[in-house]
Amino acid sequence: MAETHKKILFKYYSTYLEEIVSETMWAEIIDLDKGHFKLDNIPFFGPLIATDDTFRAEYDENEKCFIHKETLESSGNSIVQVLILDKEFDAAIIREKLKAINCISEALNDTFLAAEIVKDVDYSIVKSLLNEYESNSIIEFTEPCLSEKHRADLLKN
């Protein structure tokens, strides 16, 4: 069976952790000779990349793996990070509400999750849901990778 995916190393500054972090994510191989891949993971800490974006990576002898170098093409998807502030709040509630509007998420732990907003979803709906929780001091959220399409959704409303 042919190999279809590779783990890619991403290194970047995390404003959440306030330090340089390394995160490995799965990517689909587009053209291995050129080092072209398509992201097949939801990033947790916020490099400027979203699921299904195409990017270039180079093999690094020191790290013994491919390292992300540059994003080539945006998919139109966005990534939002959610920090649960209210210790009594069950993160599964917000994950279910996101899922109901076609946004899948991955939890890092009980208080931190990252959500994928696919291109077809109207981001103003997602933002109003998150704003409602944020205004009640239940969560805090950031938009580390907001696509042009989703920025336009906000301007329409």
C-alpha atoms as a PDB file:
ATOM      1  CA  MET A   1       0.000   0.000   0.000  1.00  0.00           C
ATOM      2  CA  ALA A   2       1.392   3.400  -0.995  1.00  0.00           C
ATOM      3  CA  GLU A   3       2.098   5.956   1.693  1.00  0.00           C
ATOM      4  CA  THR A   4      -0.423   8.800   1.459  1.00  0.00           C
ATOM      5  CA  HIS A   5       0.385  10.925   4.536  1.00  0.00           C
ATOM      6  CA  LYS A   6       3.414  12.251   6.415  1.00  0.00           C
ATOM      7  CA  LYS A   7       3.837  13.824   9.834  1.00  0.00           C
ATOM      8  CA  ILE A   8       5.078  17.392   9.366  1.00  0.00           C
ATOM      9  CA  LEU A   9       6.783  19.500  12.019  1.00  0.00           C
ATOM     10  CA  PHE A  10       5.558  23.080  12.491  1.00  0.00           C
ATOM     11  CA  LYS A  11       7.557  25.535  14.614  1.00  0.00           C
ATOM     12  CA  TYR A  12       6.087  28.912  15.518  1.00  0.00           C
ATOM     13  CA  TYR A  13       5.488  31.404  18.317  1.00  0.00           C
ATOM     14  CA  SER A  14       2.350  30.655  20.342  1.00  0.00           C
ATOM     15  CA  THR A  15       0.681  33.720  21.850  1.00  0.00           C
ATOM     16  CA  TYR A  16      -1.338  31.297  24.039  1.00  0.00           C
ATOM     17  CA  LEU A  17       1.793  29.706  25.537  1.00  0.00           C
ATOM     18  CA  GLU A  18       3.996  32.791  24.955  1.00  0.00           C
ATOM     19  CA  GLU A  19       6.848  30.680  23.614  1.00  0.00           C
ATOM     20  CA  ILE A  20       8.113  28.974  20.473  1.00  0.00           C
ATOM     21  CA  VAL A  21       6.308  25.654  20.115  1.00  0.00           C
ATOM     22  CA  SER A  22       6.677  22.608  17.924  1.00  0.00           C
ATOM     23  CA  GLU A  23       3.589  20.792  16.758  1.00  0.00           C
ATOM     24  CA  THR A  24       3.501  17.763  14.467  1.00  0.00           C
ATOM     25  CA  MET A  25       0.494  17.313  12.231  1.00  0.00           C
ATOM     26  CA  TRP A  26      -0.580  14.868   9.564  1.00  0.00           C
ATOM     27  CA  ALA A  27      -0.590  16.040   5.966  1.00  0.00           C
ATOM     28  CA  GLU A  28      -1.590  14.364   2.744  1.00  0.00           C
ATOM     29  CA  ILE A  29       1.253  14.017   0.239  1.00  0.00           C
ATOM     30  CA  ILE A  30       0.538  16.046  -2.921  1.00  0.00           C
ATOM     31  CA  ASP A  31       4.012  15.926  -4.536  1.00  0.00           C
ATOM     32  CA  LEU A  32       6.786  14.479  -2.376  1.00  0.00           C
ATOM     33  CA  ASP A  33       9.591  15.519  -4.776  1.00  0.00           C
ATOM     34  CA  LYS A  34       8.489  19.165  -4.569  1.00  0.00           C
ATOM     35  CA  GLY A  35       7.649  18.870  -0.858  1.00  0.00           C
ATOM     36  CA  HIS A  36       3.998  19.798  -1.427  1.00  0.00           C
ATOM     37  CA  PHE A  37       1.422  18.669   1.157  1.00  0.00           C
ATOM     38  CA  LYS A  38      -2.195  19.322   2.195  1.00  0.00           C
ATOM     39  CA  LEU A  39      -2.881  19.718   5.938  1.00  0.00           C
ATOM     40  CA  ASP A  40      -5.082  16.948   7.319  1.00  0.00           C
ATOM     41  CA  ASN A  41      -5.145  18.044  10.992  1.00  0.00           C
ATOM     42  CA  ILE A  42      -6.635  20.826  13.104  1.00  0.00           C
ATOM     43  CA  PRO A  43      -3.740  22.925  14.485  1.00  0.00           C
ATOM     44  CA  PHE A  44      -3.892  23.524  18.243  1.00  0.00           C
ATOM     45  CA  PHE A  45      -1.560  26.435  18.812  1.00  0.00           C
ATOM     46  CA  GLY A  46      -2.027  28.608  15.797  1.00  0.00           C
ATOM     47  CA  PRO A  47       0.425  28.644  12.963  1.00  0.00           C
ATOM     48  CA  LEU A  48      -1.087  30.595  10.080  1.00  0.00           C
ATOM     49  CA  ILE A  49      -2.467  27.496   8.414  1.00  0.00           C
ATOM     50  CA  ALA A  50      -5.819  25.703   8.352  1.00  0.00           C
ATOM     51  CA  THR A  51      -7.037  22.243   7.381  1.00  0.00           C
ATOM     52  CA  ASP A  52      -6.836  21.501   3.636  1.00  0.00           C
ATOM     53  CA  ASP A  53      -4.359  24.357   2.994  1.00  0.00           C
ATOM     54  CA  THR A  54      -1.521  23.335   0.670  1.00  0.00           C
ATOM     55  CA  PHE A  55       2.015  24.037   1.805  1.00  0.00           C
ATOM     56  CA  ARG A  56       5.669  23.323   1.139  1.00  0.00           C
ATOM     57  CA  ALA A  57       7.847  21.422   3.585  1.00  0.00           C
ATOM     58  CA  GLU A  58      11.495  20.387   3.436  1.00  0.00           C
ATOM     59  CA  TYR A  59      13.154  17.354   4.952  1.00  0.00           C
ATOM     60  CA  ASP A  60      15.403  18.405   7.837  1.00  0.00           C
ATOM     61  CA  GLU A  61      18.354  16.113   8.617  1.00  0.00           C
ATOM     62  CA  ASN A  62      18.664  17.366  12.226  1.00  0.00           C
ATOM     63  CA  GLU A  63      14.983  16.864  13.040  1.00  0.00           C
ATOM     64  CA  LYS A  64      14.758  13.678  10.888  1.00  0.00           C
ATOM     65  CA  CYS A  65      11.408  14.810   9.475  1.00  0.00           C
ATOM     66  CA  PHE A  66       9.724  17.298   7.142  1.00  0.00           C
ATOM     67  CA  ILE A  67       9.382  20.885   8.420  1.00  0.00           C
ATOM     68  CA  HIS A  68       6.748  23.368   7.195  1.00  0.00           C
ATOM     69  CA  LYS A  69       8.339  26.186   5.191  1.00  0.00           C
ATOM     70  CA  GLU A  70       5.498  28.135   3.584  1.00  0.00           C
ATOM     71  CA  THR A  71       1.792  27.983   2.856  1.00  0.00           C
ATOM     72  CA  LEU A  72       1.137  27.827  -0.888  1.00  0.00           C
ATOM     73  CA  GLU A  73      -2.647  28.005  -1.141  1.00  0.00           C
ATOM     74  CA  SER A  74      -5.427  28.685   1.343  1.00  0.00           C
ATOM     75  CA  SER A  75      -8.405  26.324   1.333  1.00  0.00           C
ATOM     76  CA  GLY A  76     -10.735  29.022   2.639  1.00  0.00           C
ATOM     77  CA  ASN A  77     -11.066  27.140   5.931  1.00  0.00           C
ATOM     78  CA  SER A  78     -10.359  28.853   9.249  1.00  0.00           C
ATOM     79  CA  ILE A  79      -9.178  27.788  12.701  1.00  0.00           C
ATOM     80  CA  VAL A  80     -10.532  29.143  15.993  1.00  0.00           C
ATOM     81  CA  GLN A  81      -9.079  28.402  19.428  1.00  0.00           C
ATOM     82  CA  VAL A  82     -11.325  28.248  22.488  1.00  0.00           C
ATOM     83  CA  LEU A  83     -10.185  28.469  26.092  1.00  0.00           C
ATOM     84  CA  ILE A  84     -12.759  27.401  28.696  1.00  0.00           C
ATOM     85  CA  LEU A  85     -12.613  29.864  31.610  1.00  0.00           C
ATOM     86  CA  ASP A  86     -15.505  28.497  33.695  1.00  0.00           C
ATOM     87  CA  LYS A  87     -14.202  25.368  35.453  1.00  0.00           C
ATOM     88  CA  GLU A  88     -17.785  24.070  35.917  1.00  0.00           C
ATOM     89  CA  PHE A  89     -18.538  24.267  32.179  1.00  0.00           C
ATOM     90  CA  ASP A  90     -18.382  21.055  30.147  1.00  0.00           C
ATOM     91  CA  ALA A  91     -16.437  21.697  26.921  1.00  0.00           C
ATOM     92  CA  ALA A  92     -18.519  18.975  25.222  1.00  0.00           C
ATOM     93  CA  ILE A  93     -21.469  21.414  25.196  1.00  0.00           C
ATOM     94  CA  ILE A  94     -19.701  23.970  23.020  1.00  0.00           C
ATOM     95  CA  ARG A  95     -18.152  21.223  20.874  1.00  0.00           C
ATOM     96  CA  GLU A  96     -21.673  19.850  20.175  1.00  0.00           C
ATOM     97  CA  LYS A  97     -22.999  23.334  19.311  1.00  0.00           C
ATOM     98  CA  LEU A  98     -20.070  23.836  16.921  1.00  0.00           C
ATOM     99  CA  LYS A  99     -20.667  20.386  15.405  1.00  0.00           C
ATOM    100  CA  ALA A 100     -24.348  21.293  14.841  1.00  0.00           C
ATOM    101  CA  ILE A 101     -23.205  24.146  12.560  1.00  0.00           C
ATOM    102  CA  ASN A 102     -20.723  21.869  10.734  1.00  0.00           C
ATOM    103  CA  CYS A 103     -17.572  22.828  12.682  1.00  0.00           C
ATOM    104  CA  ILE A 104     -15.501  19.925  13.962  1.00  0.00           C
ATOM    105  CA  SER A 105     -13.162  20.446  16.888  1.00  0.00           C
ATOM    106  CA  GLU A 106     -10.393  18.684  18.743  1.00  0.00           C
ATOM    107  CA  ALA A 107      -9.808  19.084  22.464  1.00  0.00           C
ATOM    108  CA  LEU A 108      -6.264  19.325  23.753  1.00  0.00           C
ATOM    109  CA  ASN A 109      -7.532  18.954  27.333  1.00  0.00           C
ATOM    110  CA  ASP A 110     -10.588  19.942  29.442  1.00  0.00           C
ATOM    111  CA  THR A 111     -10.024  23.659  28.926  1.00  0.00           C
ATOM    112  CA  PHE A 112      -8.567  24.133  25.439  1.00  0.00           C
ATOM    113  CA  LEU A 113      -9.874  23.201  22.012  1.00  0.00           C
ATOM    114  CA  ALA A 114      -9.337  24.107  18.388  1.00  0.00           C
ATOM    115  CA  ALA A 115     -12.175  24.189  15.863  1.00  0.00           C
ATOM    116  CA  GLU A 116     -12.147  23.974  12.087  1.00  0.00           C
ATOM    117  CA  ILE A 117     -14.546  26.287  10.282  1.00  0.00           C
ATOM    118  CA  VAL A 118     -14.882  24.983   6.728  1.00  0.00           C
ATOM    119  CA  LYS A 119     -15.162  27.444   3.856  1.00  0.00           C
ATOM    120  CA  ASP A 120     -18.901  26.806   3.287  1.00  0.00           C
ATOM    121  CA  VAL A 121     -19.899  27.741   6.853  1.00  0.00           C
ATOM    122  CA  ASP A 122     -21.077  31.328   7.443  1.00  0.00           C
ATOM    123  CA  TYR A 123     -18.533  32.534   9.985  1.00  0.00           C
ATOM    124  CA  SER A 124     -20.882  35.192  11.413  1.00  0.00           C
ATOM    125  CA  ILE A 125     -23.007  32.326  12.870  1.00  0.00           C
ATOM    126  CA  VAL A 126     -19.934  30.776  14.518  1.00  0.00           C
ATOM    127  CA  LYS A 127     -18.759  34.149  15.830  1.00  0.00           C
ATOM    128  CA  SER A 128     -22.136  34.988  17.379  1.00  0.00           C
ATOM    129  CA  LEU A 129     -22.183  31.598  19.158  1.00  0.00           C
ATOM    130  CA  LEU A 130     -18.659  32.169  20.520  1.00  0.00           C
ATOM    131  CA  ASN A 131     -19.421  35.798  21.434  1.00  0.00           C
ATOM    132  CA  GLU A 132     -22.441  34.667  23.460  1.00  0.00           C
ATOM    133  CA  TYR A 133     -20.283  32.331  25.577  1.00  0.00           C
ATOM    134  CA  GLU A 134     -17.503  34.906  25.825  1.00  0.00           C
ATOM    135  CA  SER A 135     -19.877  37.657  27.002  1.00  0.00           C
ATOM    136  CA  ASN A 136     -20.926  35.352  29.867  1.00  0.00           C
ATOM    137  CA  SER A 137     -17.240  34.789  30.807  1.00  0.00           C
ATOM    138  CA  ILE A 138     -17.523  31.055  30.039  1.00  0.00           C
ATOM    139  CA  ILE A 139     -14.895  31.087  27.280  1.00  0.00           C
ATOM    140  CA  GLU A 140     -12.289  33.216  25.603  1.00  0.00           C
ATOM    141  CA  PHE A 141     -11.515  32.649  21.920  1.00  0.00           C
ATOM    142  CA  THR A 142      -8.974  33.692  19.321  1.00  0.00           C
ATOM    143  CA  GLU A 143      -8.905  33.526  15.530  1.00  0.00           C
ATOM    144  CA  PRO A 144      -5.303  32.608  14.653  1.00  0.00           C
ATOM    145  CA  CYS A 145      -6.161  31.692  11.072  1.00  0.00           C
ATOM    146  CA  LEU A 146      -9.204  33.449   9.616  1.00  0.00           C
ATOM    147  CA  SER A 147      -9.665  33.019   5.849  1.00  0.00           C
ATOM    148  CA  GLU A 148     -10.573  35.852   3.474  1.00  0.00           C
ATOM    149  CA  LYS A 149     -13.965  34.192   2.917  1.00  0.00           C
ATOM    150  CA  HIS A 150     -14.750  34.177   6.651  1.00  0.00           C
ATOM    151  CA  ARG A 151     -13.569  37.794   7.046  1.00  0.00           C
ATOM    152  CA  ALA A 152     -16.042  38.669   4.268  1.00  0.00           C
ATOM    153  CA  ASP A 153     -18.854  36.822   6.138  1.00  0.00           C
ATOM    154  CA  LEU A 154     -18.366  39.235   9.050  1.00  0.00           C
ATOM    155  CA  LEU A 155     -18.524  42.307   6.811  1.00  0.00           C
ATOM    156  CA  LYS A 156     -21.818  41.195   5.217  1.00  0.00           C
ATOM    157  CA  ASN A 157     -23.646  41.118   8.556  1.00  0.00           C
END
